[in-house]
Protein backbone atom coordinates (compact mmCIF):
# COMPACT_ATOMS: atom_id res chain seq x y z
CA MET A 1 -25.11 11.43 -13.32
CA THR A 2 -26.01 10.87 -16.91
CA ASP A 3 -25.31 7.57 -18.64
CA THR A 4 -22.53 9.15 -20.71
CA VAL A 5 -20.85 10.57 -17.61
CA LYS A 6 -21.09 7.16 -15.91
CA LEU A 7 -19.61 5.51 -18.97
CA ALA A 8 -16.80 8.07 -19.10
CA ALA A 9 -16.09 7.51 -15.39
CA GLU A 10 -15.89 3.75 -15.93
CA LEU A 11 -13.57 4.17 -18.93
CA LEU A 12 -11.40 6.56 -16.92
CA LYS A 13 -11.24 4.07 -14.07
CA GLY A 14 -10.10 1.33 -16.47
CA HIS A 15 -7.43 3.52 -18.04
CA ARG A 16 -6.14 4.56 -14.63
CA ALA A 17 -5.97 0.95 -13.45
CA SER A 18 -3.89 0.10 -16.54
CA ILE A 19 -1.64 3.11 -15.94
CA ASP A 20 -1.11 2.02 -12.34
CA ARG A 21 -0.12 -1.49 -13.45
CA LEU A 22 2.23 -0.09 -16.08
CA ASP A 23 3.83 2.25 -13.53
CA ALA A 24 4.50 -0.77 -11.31
CA ILE A 25 6.06 -2.59 -14.26
CA LEU A 26 8.29 0.41 -14.97
CA VAL A 27 9.46 0.63 -11.36
CA TYR A 28 10.23 -3.08 -11.10
CA THR A 29 11.91 -3.05 -14.52
CA LEU A 30 14.10 -0.10 -13.53
CA GLY A 31 14.92 -1.85 -10.27
CA GLU A 32 16.04 -4.95 -12.16
CA ARG A 33 18.00 -2.85 -14.65
CA PHE A 34 19.85 -1.03 -11.89
CA LYS A 35 20.74 -4.33 -10.19
CA HIS A 36 22.61 -5.25 -13.36
CA THR A 37 24.19 -1.84 -13.83
CA GLN A 38 25.39 -1.95 -10.22
CA ALA A 39 27.05 -5.29 -10.95
CA VAL A 40 28.61 -3.80 -14.09
CA GLY A 41 29.91 -0.86 -12.04
CA LYS A 42 31.53 -3.19 -9.52
CA LEU A 43 33.07 -5.26 -12.30
CA LYS A 44 34.43 -2.14 -13.99
CA ALA A 45 35.89 -0.89 -10.70
CA GLU A 46 37.54 -4.25 -9.97
CA HIS A 47 39.22 -4.25 -13.38
CA ASP A 48 40.06 -0.53 -13.63
CA LEU A 49 37.69 0.05 -16.52
CA PRO A 50 36.26 3.53 -17.13
CA PRO A 51 32.81 4.21 -15.67
CA SER A 52 31.52 5.44 -19.02
CA ASP A 53 31.49 3.72 -22.42
CA PRO A 54 30.52 6.42 -24.95
CA ALA A 55 30.42 4.01 -27.91
CA ARG A 56 27.98 1.67 -26.14
CA GLU A 57 25.92 4.59 -24.90
CA ALA A 58 25.59 5.96 -28.44
CA THR A 59 24.59 2.52 -29.73
CA GLN A 60 22.01 2.12 -26.98
CA ILE A 61 20.53 5.57 -27.62
CA ALA A 62 20.18 4.83 -31.35
CA ARG A 63 18.64 1.43 -30.54
CA LEU A 64 16.16 2.98 -28.11
CA GLU A 65 15.20 5.66 -30.62
CA ASP A 66 14.39 2.91 -33.15
CA LEU A 67 12.38 0.99 -30.56
CA ALA A 68 10.52 4.15 -29.62
CA THR A 69 9.60 4.78 -33.24
CA GLU A 70 8.30 1.20 -33.53
CA ALA A 71 6.29 1.68 -30.33
CA ASP A 72 4.78 5.02 -31.44
CA LEU A 73 6.69 6.81 -28.69
CA ASP A 74 8.44 10.12 -29.33
CA PRO A 75 12.09 9.15 -30.04
CA GLU A 76 13.31 12.42 -28.50
CA PHE A 77 11.53 11.56 -25.27
CA ALA A 78 13.06 8.08 -25.32
CA LYS A 79 16.51 9.59 -25.92
CA LYS A 80 16.10 12.03 -23.00
CA PHE A 81 14.88 9.20 -20.77
CA LEU A 82 17.82 6.94 -21.63
CA ASN A 83 20.30 9.80 -21.23
CA PHE A 84 18.88 10.39 -17.74
CA ILE A 85 19.30 6.70 -16.87
CA ILE A 86 22.82 6.59 -18.33
CA ALA A 87 23.87 9.63 -16.29
CA GLU A 88 22.58 7.96 -13.13
CA VAL A 89 24.37 4.71 -13.96
CA ILE A 90 27.67 6.54 -14.59
CA GLN A 91 27.32 8.23 -11.19
CA HIS A 92 26.88 4.80 -9.59
CA HIS A 93 29.90 3.47 -11.46
CA LYS A 94 32.01 6.40 -10.30
CA GLN A 95 30.96 5.70 -6.71
CA HIS A 96 32.20 2.11 -7.05
CA GLN A 97 35.57 3.40 -8.18
CA SER A 98 35.97 5.71 -5.20
């Protein structure tokens, strides 16, 4: 291997290690988030509240789009990601009400 290929391999290894750590952070963060949304779903079910709150969801999407812009992340991607999470949370909330 040439020196430049070795250097590239080392840089790649470092980037991949960071990506692996960040993936772990994402998984644990989502796990913590869903613990709270499960508790919200149970609370809503106990008090006959609707599983969905469109006003809050819209506020959260707008907030996340702003955060994404600040973080140099595509706001459309952030919006799709949050919409996916919201849909999953609503499903969980509906299950609590069954």
